[in-house]
Amino acid sequence: MIYAYVRVSTYYQLKGNSIDNQKEQVLERYPDAQIYVESESGKSMDRPVFQSVLRKLNKGDIFVVTKLDRFCRSTQEGLKYIEKIQKMGCSIHILNQGLIEDTAVGKLIVTNMLAFAEFERTIILERTLAGKEIARRRADFREGRPKKYTKKQLDHAMELLKNHTYKEVSDLTGISKSTLKRYKREKNID
């Protein structure tokens, strides 16, 4: 049997190209693969779909992922799972890197690949945090996503609420009822 594990970190990726792209890559190489999809951060050790796939593996099966980081996030975790799968008598195929061999050279190569992947994630995180720290120093910095509506638009909507219902104002302005109520509450408007 061929078991493919496809993981995405966010709901957006589940609906977007990432999930489709991974499935396409697997099916291109293994048209008969059973594909299991999980939407869970790789940092999470509680990945029920991944654990389920591991329980299904039998000697001679092939475990497939598109990239190494789809099933592990650290060198230690990756080595643990690779060893476990290989001890079960199963092959591991990481599509962008090839088959993981159960030899001294195979272990050396996969250890280095895992170490570089972990290093890369750490560097990206450090750069992101450094960028945020620099941005925080700016006077106009705001944490989080930008506001969808300006103060002028929201104040206009508050004026409309004096003579219209929330639904009418929402229909007229495109501003949701919850946003209108939240703004009214924040500004202590009666």
N, C-alpha and C. Protein backbone atom coordinates (compact mmCIF):
# COMPACT_ATOMS: atom_id res chain seq x y z
N MET A 1 0.84 -1.19 0.00
CA MET A 1 0.00 0.00 0.00
C MET A 1 0.88 1.25 0.00
N ILE A 2 0.34 2.29 -0.57
CA ILE A 2 1.03 3.57 -0.59
C ILE A 2 0.18 4.57 0.18
N TYR A 3 0.75 5.09 1.26
CA TYR A 3 0.04 6.06 2.10
C TYR A 3 0.73 7.41 1.96
N ALA A 4 -0.03 8.40 1.56
CA ALA A 4 0.51 9.75 1.42
C ALA A 4 -0.07 10.63 2.52
N TYR A 5 0.80 11.36 3.16
CA TYR A 5 0.38 12.28 4.22
C TYR A 5 0.58 13.70 3.71
N VAL A 6 -0.52 14.45 3.70
CA VAL A 6 -0.52 15.83 3.23
C VAL A 6 -0.93 16.70 4.40
N ARG A 7 -0.09 17.68 4.73
CA ARG A 7 -0.41 18.55 5.87
C ARG A 7 -0.33 20.01 5.47
N VAL A 8 -1.31 20.75 5.94
CA VAL A 8 -1.30 22.20 5.81
C VAL A 8 -1.44 22.79 7.20
N SER A 9 -0.89 23.98 7.38
CA SER A 9 -0.86 24.58 8.71
C SER A 9 -2.09 25.41 9.04
N THR A 10 -2.76 25.93 8.02
CA THR A 10 -3.88 26.84 8.28
C THR A 10 -5.10 26.46 7.48
N TYR A 11 -6.24 26.98 7.92
CA TYR A 11 -7.50 26.76 7.20
C TYR A 11 -7.41 27.31 5.79
N TYR A 12 -6.75 28.47 5.63
CA TYR A 12 -6.62 29.08 4.31
C TYR A 12 -5.90 28.14 3.35
N GLN A 13 -4.83 27.50 3.82
CA GLN A 13 -4.10 26.58 2.96
C GLN A 13 -4.96 25.37 2.60
N LEU A 14 -5.83 24.97 3.53
CA LEU A 14 -6.71 23.83 3.27
C LEU A 14 -7.59 24.12 2.08
N LYS A 15 -8.08 25.37 1.99
CA LYS A 15 -8.96 25.76 0.89
C LYS A 15 -8.18 26.25 -0.32
N GLY A 16 -6.91 26.57 -0.14
CA GLY A 16 -6.11 27.14 -1.21
C GLY A 16 -5.32 26.12 -1.99
N ASN A 17 -4.28 26.61 -2.65
CA ASN A 17 -3.48 25.78 -3.55
C ASN A 17 -2.60 24.76 -2.85
N SER A 18 -2.18 25.03 -1.64
CA SER A 18 -1.20 24.16 -1.01
C SER A 18 -1.67 22.71 -0.93
N ILE A 19 -2.90 22.52 -0.52
CA ILE A 19 -3.42 21.15 -0.38
C ILE A 19 -3.55 20.49 -1.76
N ASP A 20 -4.07 21.25 -2.72
CA ASP A 20 -4.23 20.72 -4.07
C ASP A 20 -2.87 20.42 -4.70
N ASN A 21 -1.93 21.31 -4.47
CA ASN A 21 -0.60 21.13 -5.02
C ASN A 21 0.05 19.86 -4.48
N GLN A 22 -0.05 19.64 -3.18
CA GLN A 22 0.54 18.44 -2.58
C GLN A 22 -0.13 17.18 -3.13
N LYS A 23 -1.46 17.19 -3.21
CA LYS A 23 -2.19 16.02 -3.74
C LYS A 23 -1.76 15.73 -5.17
N GLU A 24 -1.66 16.79 -5.97
CA GLU A 24 -1.26 16.64 -7.36
C GLU A 24 0.12 15.98 -7.48
N GLN A 25 1.06 16.46 -6.67
CA GLN A 25 2.41 15.91 -6.69
C GLN A 25 2.42 14.42 -6.34
N VAL A 26 1.64 14.06 -5.32
CA VAL A 26 1.57 12.65 -4.90
C VAL A 26 0.97 11.81 -6.00
N LEU A 27 -0.19 12.23 -6.53
CA LEU A 27 -0.90 11.43 -7.53
C LEU A 27 -0.15 11.33 -8.85
N GLU A 28 0.66 12.32 -9.14
CA GLU A 28 1.49 12.28 -10.34
C GLU A 28 2.48 11.12 -10.26
N ARG A 29 3.02 10.91 -9.09
CA ARG A 29 4.00 9.85 -8.89
C ARG A 29 3.35 8.52 -8.51
N TYR A 30 2.30 8.61 -7.66
CA TYR A 30 1.63 7.41 -7.15
C TYR A 30 0.11 7.55 -7.34
N PRO A 31 -0.40 7.21 -8.53
CA PRO A 31 -1.83 7.39 -8.81
C PRO A 31 -2.75 6.58 -7.89
N ASP A 32 -2.24 5.50 -7.30
CA ASP A 32 -3.07 4.66 -6.43
C ASP A 32 -2.90 4.96 -4.94
N ALA A 33 -2.20 6.03 -4.63
CA ALA A 33 -1.93 6.34 -3.22
C ALA A 33 -3.21 6.70 -2.47
N GLN A 34 -3.25 6.27 -1.23
CA GLN A 34 -4.32 6.71 -0.33
C GLN A 34 -3.81 7.98 0.34
N ILE A 35 -4.52 9.07 0.13
CA ILE A 35 -4.05 10.36 0.63
C ILE A 35 -4.81 10.74 1.90
N TYR A 36 -4.05 11.13 2.91
CA TYR A 36 -4.63 11.57 4.18
C TYR A 36 -4.23 13.02 4.41
N VAL A 37 -5.22 13.87 4.66
CA VAL A 37 -5.01 15.31 4.79
C VAL A 37 -5.20 15.74 6.23
N GLU A 38 -4.29 16.61 6.68
CA GLU A 38 -4.41 17.14 8.03
C GLU A 38 -4.16 18.64 7.99
N SER A 39 -4.98 19.38 8.71
CA SER A 39 -4.78 20.82 8.86
C SER A 39 -4.39 21.06 10.31
N GLU A 40 -3.11 21.06 10.54
CA GLU A 40 -2.59 21.18 11.90
C GLU A 40 -1.18 21.74 11.80
N SER A 41 -0.83 22.62 12.69
CA SER A 41 0.52 23.17 12.69
C SER A 41 1.53 22.05 12.89
N GLY A 42 2.64 22.15 12.20
CA GLY A 42 3.70 21.16 12.36
C GLY A 42 4.30 21.19 13.75
N LYS A 43 4.12 22.31 14.46
CA LYS A 43 4.63 22.41 15.82
C LYS A 43 3.85 21.51 16.76
N SER A 44 2.59 21.26 16.40
CA SER A 44 1.73 20.46 17.26
C SER A 44 2.17 19.00 17.24
N MET A 45 2.33 18.45 18.41
CA MET A 45 2.68 17.03 18.50
C MET A 45 1.42 16.17 18.40
N ASP A 46 0.28 16.80 18.55
CA ASP A 46 -1.00 16.09 18.48
C ASP A 46 -1.56 16.21 17.07
N ARG A 47 -1.14 15.31 16.20
CA ARG A 47 -1.62 15.30 14.82
C ARG A 47 -2.31 13.96 14.60
N PRO A 48 -3.62 13.90 14.87
CA PRO A 48 -4.33 12.63 14.82
C PRO A 48 -4.31 11.92 13.47
N VAL A 49 -4.35 12.67 12.37
CA VAL A 49 -4.32 12.03 11.05
C VAL A 49 -2.96 11.37 10.82
N PHE A 50 -1.90 12.07 11.17
CA PHE A 50 -0.55 11.52 11.03
C PHE A 50 -0.41 10.24 11.85
N GLN A 51 -0.86 10.29 13.09
CA GLN A 51 -0.78 9.11 13.96
C GLN A 51 -1.59 7.95 13.38
N SER A 52 -2.74 8.27 12.79
CA SER A 52 -3.59 7.24 12.17
C SER A 52 -2.87 6.58 10.99
N VAL A 53 -2.19 7.39 10.18
CA VAL A 53 -1.44 6.84 9.05
C VAL A 53 -0.33 5.92 9.55
N LEU A 54 0.37 6.33 10.59
CA LEU A 54 1.44 5.49 11.14
C LEU A 54 0.90 4.14 11.61
N ARG A 55 -0.31 4.15 12.19
CA ARG A 55 -0.90 2.88 12.67
C ARG A 55 -1.30 1.97 11.51
N LYS A 56 -1.58 2.53 10.34
CA LYS A 56 -2.00 1.73 9.19
C LYS A 56 -0.82 1.07 8.47
N LEU A 57 0.38 1.61 8.63
CA LEU A 57 1.53 1.10 7.90
C LEU A 57 1.86 -0.34 8.26
N ASN A 58 2.14 -1.12 7.22
CA ASN A 58 2.57 -2.52 7.37
C ASN A 58 3.85 -2.72 6.56
N LYS A 59 4.54 -3.78 6.87
CA LYS A 59 5.79 -4.08 6.18
C LYS A 59 5.58 -4.05 4.66
N GLY A 60 6.48 -3.35 3.97
CA GLY A 60 6.42 -3.26 2.52
C GLY A 60 5.66 -2.04 2.01
N ASP A 61 4.94 -1.35 2.88
CA ASP A 61 4.20 -0.16 2.47
C ASP A 61 5.16 0.99 2.20
N ILE A 62 4.66 1.98 1.47
CA ILE A 62 5.43 3.19 1.19
C ILE A 62 4.72 4.37 1.84
N PHE A 63 5.49 5.14 2.61
CA PHE A 63 4.98 6.36 3.24
C PHE A 63 5.50 7.53 2.40
N VAL A 64 4.57 8.38 1.91
CA VAL A 64 4.94 9.46 0.99
C VAL A 64 4.54 10.81 1.56
N VAL A 65 5.45 11.78 1.46
CA VAL A 65 5.16 13.19 1.74
C VAL A 65 5.82 14.01 0.64
N THR A 66 5.30 15.20 0.40
CA THR A 66 5.89 16.03 -0.66
C THR A 66 7.20 16.66 -0.22
N LYS A 67 7.25 17.08 1.06
CA LYS A 67 8.47 17.69 1.59
C LYS A 67 8.67 17.20 3.02
N LEU A 68 9.90 17.23 3.45
CA LEU A 68 10.26 16.76 4.78
C LEU A 68 9.49 17.49 5.88
N ASP A 69 9.30 18.80 5.71
CA ASP A 69 8.64 19.59 6.76
C ASP A 69 7.14 19.33 6.85
N ARG A 70 6.59 18.52 5.97
CA ARG A 70 5.16 18.20 6.04
C ARG A 70 4.87 17.21 7.17
N PHE A 71 5.88 16.43 7.59
CA PHE A 71 5.59 15.49 8.67
C PHE A 71 6.48 15.66 9.90
N CYS A 72 7.44 16.56 9.84
CA CYS A 72 8.24 16.83 11.04
C CYS A 72 8.75 18.26 11.01
N ARG A 73 8.99 18.81 12.20
CA ARG A 73 9.44 20.19 12.28
C ARG A 73 10.81 20.34 12.93
N SER A 74 11.34 19.27 13.45
CA SER A 74 12.67 19.36 14.06
C SER A 74 13.48 18.14 13.66
N THR A 75 14.79 18.28 13.78
CA THR A 75 15.68 17.17 13.45
C THR A 75 15.37 15.96 14.32
N GLN A 76 15.21 16.21 15.60
CA GLN A 76 14.95 15.12 16.55
C GLN A 76 13.64 14.39 16.20
N GLU A 77 12.58 15.15 15.95
CA GLU A 77 11.29 14.53 15.62
C GLU A 77 11.38 13.75 14.31
N GLY A 78 12.03 14.35 13.31
CA GLY A 78 12.15 13.70 12.02
C GLY A 78 12.90 12.38 12.11
N LEU A 79 14.02 12.39 12.82
CA LEU A 79 14.80 11.16 12.96
C LEU A 79 14.00 10.08 13.69
N LYS A 80 13.24 10.50 14.69
CA LYS A 80 12.42 9.55 15.46
C LYS A 80 11.40 8.86 14.54
N TYR A 81 10.68 9.65 13.75
CA TYR A 81 9.64 9.06 12.89
C TYR A 81 10.23 8.26 11.74
N ILE A 82 11.32 8.74 11.17
CA ILE A 82 11.95 8.00 10.07
C ILE A 82 12.42 6.64 10.57
N GLU A 83 13.06 6.64 11.74
CA GLU A 83 13.52 5.37 12.31
C GLU A 83 12.33 4.44 12.59
N LYS A 84 11.27 4.99 13.15
CA LYS A 84 10.08 4.18 13.47
C LYS A 84 9.49 3.55 12.21
N ILE A 85 9.35 4.35 11.16
CA ILE A 85 8.76 3.86 9.90
C ILE A 85 9.66 2.80 9.27
N GLN A 86 10.95 3.05 9.27
CA GLN A 86 11.88 2.09 8.68
C GLN A 86 11.93 0.79 9.48
N LYS A 87 11.83 0.86 10.81
CA LYS A 87 11.82 -0.36 11.63
C LYS A 87 10.59 -1.21 11.34
N MET A 88 9.52 -0.57 10.85
CA MET A 88 8.30 -1.30 10.50
C MET A 88 8.45 -2.01 9.15
N GLY A 89 9.57 -1.76 8.48
CA GLY A 89 9.81 -2.38 7.17
C GLY A 89 9.18 -1.61 6.03
N CYS A 90 8.94 -0.32 6.24
CA CYS A 90 8.31 0.52 5.22
C CYS A 90 9.34 1.45 4.60
N SER A 91 9.06 1.84 3.36
CA SER A 91 9.90 2.80 2.66
C SER A 91 9.34 4.20 2.89
N ILE A 92 10.22 5.18 2.82
CA ILE A 92 9.82 6.58 2.96
C ILE A 92 10.26 7.30 1.70
N HIS A 93 9.28 7.96 1.06
CA HIS A 93 9.60 8.72 -0.14
C HIS A 93 9.20 10.17 0.09
N ILE A 94 10.20 11.03 0.14
CA ILE A 94 9.96 12.47 0.22
C ILE A 94 10.13 12.97 -1.20
N LEU A 95 9.02 13.37 -1.80
CA LEU A 95 9.00 13.61 -3.23
C LEU A 95 10.05 14.62 -3.72
N ASN A 96 10.32 15.65 -2.97
CA ASN A 96 11.30 16.63 -3.46
C ASN A 96 12.73 16.25 -3.11
N GLN A 97 12.93 15.10 -2.46
CA GLN A 97 14.29 14.69 -2.10
C GLN A 97 14.62 13.25 -2.45
N GLY A 98 13.63 12.42 -2.63
CA GLY A 98 13.87 11.04 -3.00
C GLY A 98 13.58 10.07 -1.87
N LEU A 99 13.95 8.81 -2.10
CA LEU A 99 13.74 7.77 -1.10
C LEU A 99 14.76 7.93 0.02
N ILE A 100 14.31 7.70 1.24
CA ILE A 100 15.20 7.75 2.39
C ILE A 100 15.71 6.33 2.62
N GLU A 101 16.98 6.15 2.44
CA GLU A 101 17.56 4.82 2.57
C GLU A 101 17.90 4.51 4.02
N ASP A 102 17.72 3.24 4.38
CA ASP A 102 18.03 2.79 5.73
C ASP A 102 19.48 2.29 5.77
N THR A 103 20.38 3.25 5.49
CA THR A 103 21.81 2.95 5.51
C THR A 103 22.51 4.07 6.28
N ALA A 104 23.79 3.89 6.55
CA ALA A 104 24.55 4.92 7.25
C ALA A 104 24.56 6.22 6.45
N VAL A 105 24.78 6.11 5.14
CA VAL A 105 24.80 7.29 4.28
C VAL A 105 23.40 7.92 4.22
N GLY A 106 22.37 7.09 4.13
CA GLY A 106 20.99 7.59 4.12
C GLY A 106 20.67 8.38 5.39
N LYS A 107 21.11 7.84 6.52
CA LYS A 107 20.88 8.53 7.81
C LYS A 107 21.65 9.84 7.87
N LEU A 108 22.87 9.85 7.36
CA LEU A 108 23.66 11.07 7.33
C LEU A 108 22.97 12.14 6.49
N ILE A 109 22.52 11.75 5.32
CA ILE A 109 21.87 12.71 4.41
C ILE A 109 20.58 13.26 5.02
N VAL A 110 19.74 12.38 5.55
CA VAL A 110 18.47 12.85 6.11
C VAL A 110 18.70 13.70 7.37
N THR A 111 19.70 13.36 8.17
CA THR A 111 20.01 14.17 9.36
C THR A 111 20.41 15.58 8.94
N ASN A 112 21.23 15.68 7.91
CA ASN A 112 21.63 17.00 7.41
C ASN A 112 20.46 17.76 6.82
N MET A 113 19.61 17.09 6.07
CA MET A 113 18.43 17.76 5.49
C MET A 113 17.52 18.29 6.60
N LEU A 114 17.31 17.47 7.61
CA LEU A 114 16.46 17.89 8.74
C LEU A 114 17.09 19.06 9.48
N ALA A 115 18.39 19.00 9.70
CA ALA A 115 19.08 20.08 10.41
C ALA A 115 18.98 21.39 9.63
N PHE A 116 19.18 21.33 8.32
CA PHE A 116 19.07 22.54 7.51
C PHE A 116 17.64 23.08 7.48
N ALA A 117 16.66 22.20 7.43
CA ALA A 117 15.25 22.64 7.44
C ALA A 117 14.93 23.33 8.76
N GLU A 118 15.39 22.75 9.87
CA GLU A 118 15.16 23.35 11.18
C GLU A 118 15.89 24.70 11.28
N PHE A 119 17.10 24.77 10.79
CA PHE A 119 17.88 26.01 10.77
C PHE A 119 17.15 27.09 9.98
N GLU A 120 16.66 26.71 8.81
CA GLU A 120 15.95 27.66 7.95
C GLU A 120 14.71 28.23 8.64
N ARG A 121 13.93 27.37 9.30
CA ARG A 121 12.74 27.83 10.03
C ARG A 121 13.12 28.80 11.14
N THR A 122 14.21 28.49 11.85
CA THR A 122 14.68 29.35 12.94
C THR A 122 15.11 30.72 12.41
N ILE A 123 15.84 30.74 11.31
CA ILE A 123 16.29 32.00 10.70
C ILE A 123 15.09 32.82 10.25
N ILE A 124 14.10 32.19 9.63
CA ILE A 124 12.90 32.91 9.19
C ILE A 124 12.19 33.53 10.39
N LEU A 125 12.05 32.77 11.46
CA LEU A 125 11.40 33.28 12.67
C LEU A 125 12.17 34.46 13.24
N GLU A 126 13.50 34.34 13.31
CA GLU A 126 14.32 35.44 13.82
C GLU A 126 14.17 36.70 12.97
N ARG A 127 14.16 36.53 11.65
CA ARG A 127 13.99 37.69 10.75
C ARG A 127 12.62 38.33 10.93
N THR A 128 11.62 37.51 11.08
CA THR A 128 10.27 38.03 11.27
C THR A 128 10.18 38.84 12.56
N LEU A 129 10.73 38.29 13.64
CA LEU A 129 10.71 38.99 14.93
C LEU A 129 11.53 40.28 14.87
N ALA A 130 12.67 40.24 14.19
CA ALA A 130 13.50 41.44 14.06
C ALA A 130 12.75 42.51 13.26
N GLY A 131 12.08 42.11 12.20
CA GLY A 131 11.29 43.04 11.39
C GLY A 131 10.17 43.68 12.20
N LYS A 132 9.51 42.88 13.02
CA LYS A 132 8.44 43.41 13.87
C LYS A 132 8.99 44.40 14.88
N GLU A 133 10.15 44.09 15.45
CA GLU A 133 10.76 44.98 16.44
C GLU A 133 11.11 46.33 15.81
N ILE A 134 11.64 46.31 14.60
CA ILE A 134 11.96 47.55 13.89
C ILE A 134 10.68 48.32 13.60
N ALA A 135 9.64 47.63 13.17
CA ALA A 135 8.36 48.28 12.85
C ALA A 135 7.74 48.91 14.09
N ARG A 136 7.89 48.27 15.25
CA ARG A 136 7.32 48.78 16.50
C ARG A 136 7.92 50.13 16.90
N ARG A 137 9.10 50.41 16.44
CA ARG A 137 9.76 51.67 16.78
C ARG A 137 9.17 52.86 16.03
N ARG A 138 8.46 52.59 14.94
CA ARG A 138 7.86 53.66 14.17
C ARG A 138 6.65 54.23 14.91
N ALA A 139 6.46 55.51 14.81
CA ALA A 139 5.35 56.18 15.50
C ALA A 139 3.99 55.71 15.00
N ASP A 140 3.91 55.37 13.72
CA ASP A 140 2.62 54.98 13.14
C ASP A 140 2.37 53.47 13.17
N PHE A 141 3.16 52.73 13.95
CA PHE A 141 3.02 51.27 14.01
C PHE A 141 1.72 50.86 14.69
N ARG A 142 1.05 49.89 14.09
CA ARG A 142 -0.15 49.29 14.68
C ARG A 142 0.00 47.78 14.56
N GLU A 143 -0.18 47.08 15.67
CA GLU A 143 -0.12 45.62 15.68
C GLU A 143 -1.38 45.08 15.00
N GLY A 144 -1.25 44.02 14.27
CA GLY A 144 -2.42 43.38 13.66
C GLY A 144 -2.74 43.93 12.28
N ARG A 145 -3.82 43.46 11.76
CA ARG A 145 -4.18 43.88 10.40
C ARG A 145 -4.76 45.29 10.42
N PRO A 146 -4.69 45.98 9.29
CA PRO A 146 -5.20 47.35 9.22
C PRO A 146 -6.73 47.37 9.36
N LYS A 147 -7.23 48.49 9.83
CA LYS A 147 -8.68 48.66 9.95
C LYS A 147 -9.30 48.67 8.56
N LYS A 148 -10.46 48.07 8.45
CA LYS A 148 -11.14 47.99 7.16
C LYS A 148 -11.85 49.30 6.84
N TYR A 149 -12.35 49.97 7.88
CA TYR A 149 -13.11 51.20 7.69
C TYR A 149 -12.43 52.36 8.41
N THR A 150 -12.52 53.54 7.81
CA THR A 150 -11.93 54.72 8.41
C THR A 150 -12.86 55.25 9.51
N LYS A 151 -12.31 56.12 10.34
CA LYS A 151 -13.09 56.76 11.40
C LYS A 151 -14.24 57.54 10.77
N LYS A 152 -13.97 58.20 9.66
CA LYS A 152 -14.99 58.99 8.96
C LYS A 152 -16.15 58.09 8.51
N GLN A 153 -15.86 56.93 7.95
CA GLN A 153 -16.90 56.00 7.51
C GLN A 153 -17.73 55.50 8.69
N LEU A 154 -17.04 55.16 9.78
CA LEU A 154 -17.75 54.65 10.96
C LEU A 154 -18.58 55.74 11.63
N ASP A 155 -18.06 56.96 11.69
CA ASP A 155 -18.83 58.07 12.26
C ASP A 155 -20.08 58.35 11.42
N HIS A 156 -19.93 58.29 10.10
CA HIS A 156 -21.08 58.46 9.21
C HIS A 156 -22.14 57.38 9.48
N ALA A 157 -21.68 56.15 9.66
CA ALA A 157 -22.61 55.05 9.97
C ALA A 157 -23.32 55.29 11.30
N MET A 158 -22.61 55.87 12.28
CA MET A 158 -23.23 56.16 13.58
C MET A 158 -24.33 57.21 13.42
N GLU A 159 -24.08 58.18 12.54
CA GLU A 159 -25.11 59.20 12.25
C GLU A 159 -26.34 58.54 11.62
N LEU A 160 -26.11 57.62 10.70
CA LEU A 160 -27.21 56.92 10.03
C LEU A 160 -28.03 56.09 11.02
N LEU A 161 -27.36 55.56 12.04
CA LEU A 161 -28.06 54.73 13.04
C LEU A 161 -29.10 55.52 13.84
N LYS A 162 -28.98 56.82 13.84
CA LYS A 162 -29.95 57.64 14.56
C LYS A 162 -31.34 57.53 13.94
N ASN A 163 -31.41 57.26 12.62
CA ASN A 163 -32.70 57.21 11.92
C ASN A 163 -32.96 55.89 11.21
N HIS A 164 -32.02 54.94 11.33
CA HIS A 164 -32.16 53.66 10.62
C HIS A 164 -31.79 52.50 11.54
N THR A 165 -32.21 51.32 11.15
CA THR A 165 -31.87 50.11 11.91
C THR A 165 -30.44 49.67 11.56
N TYR A 166 -29.91 48.76 12.37
CA TYR A 166 -28.58 48.21 12.08
C TYR A 166 -28.56 47.57 10.70
N LYS A 167 -29.58 46.83 10.37
CA LYS A 167 -29.63 46.14 9.08
C LYS A 167 -29.63 47.16 7.93
N GLU A 168 -30.41 48.22 8.07
CA GLU A 168 -30.47 49.24 7.02
C GLU A 168 -29.10 49.92 6.85
N VAL A 169 -28.47 50.26 7.97
CA VAL A 169 -27.16 50.91 7.90
C VAL A 169 -26.13 49.96 7.32
N SER A 170 -26.19 48.70 7.70
CA SER A 170 -25.28 47.69 7.17
C SER A 170 -25.45 47.55 5.66
N ASP A 171 -26.71 47.52 5.21
CA ASP A 171 -26.99 47.43 3.77
C ASP A 171 -26.50 48.67 3.02
N LEU A 172 -26.65 49.84 3.63
CA LEU A 172 -26.25 51.10 2.99
C LEU A 172 -24.73 51.26 2.93
N THR A 173 -24.06 50.87 4.00
CA THR A 173 -22.61 51.14 4.10
C THR A 173 -21.72 49.95 3.82
N GLY A 174 -22.26 48.75 3.95
CA GLY A 174 -21.43 47.54 3.80
C GLY A 174 -20.69 47.18 5.07
N ILE A 175 -20.94 47.94 6.13
CA ILE A 175 -20.29 47.66 7.42
C ILE A 175 -21.17 46.70 8.19
N SER A 176 -20.60 45.62 8.69
CA SER A 176 -21.39 44.60 9.37
C SER A 176 -22.01 45.13 10.66
N LYS A 177 -23.09 44.48 11.05
CA LYS A 177 -23.80 44.86 12.29
C LYS A 177 -22.86 44.73 13.49
N SER A 178 -22.06 43.68 13.54
CA SER A 178 -21.15 43.48 14.68
C SER A 178 -20.11 44.59 14.75
N THR A 179 -19.59 45.04 13.60
CA THR A 179 -18.62 46.13 13.58
C THR A 179 -19.28 47.42 14.05
N LEU A 180 -20.51 47.66 13.60
CA LEU A 180 -21.25 48.85 14.03
C LEU A 180 -21.45 48.85 15.54
N LYS A 181 -21.88 47.72 16.07
CA LYS A 181 -22.12 47.62 17.52
C LYS A 181 -20.82 47.79 18.31
N ARG A 182 -19.74 47.18 17.82
CA ARG A 182 -18.45 47.27 18.51
C ARG A 182 -17.97 48.73 18.54
N TYR A 183 -18.07 49.41 17.40
CA TYR A 183 -17.63 50.81 17.33
C TYR A 183 -18.49 51.68 18.24
N LYS A 184 -19.76 51.44 18.24
CA LYS A 184 -20.68 52.21 19.09
C LYS A 184 -20.33 52.02 20.56
N ARG A 185 -20.02 50.78 20.93
CA ARG A 185 -19.65 50.45 22.30
C ARG A 185 -18.31 51.10 22.68
N GLU A 186 -17.32 51.03 21.77
CA GLU A 186 -16.01 51.62 22.02
C GLU A 186 -16.07 53.12 22.19
N LYS A 187 -16.96 53.77 21.47
CA LYS A 187 -17.08 55.23 21.51
C LYS A 187 -18.13 55.70 22.52
N ASN A 188 -18.74 54.74 23.23
CA ASN A 188 -19.80 55.06 24.21
C ASN A 188 -20.90 55.93 23.62
N ILE A 189 -21.35 55.53 22.45
CA ILE A 189 -22.42 56.27 21.77
C ILE A 189 -23.75 55.65 22.17
N ASP A 190 -24.70 56.51 22.57
CA ASP A 190 -26.05 56.02 22.97
C ASP A 190 -26.98 55.93 21.82
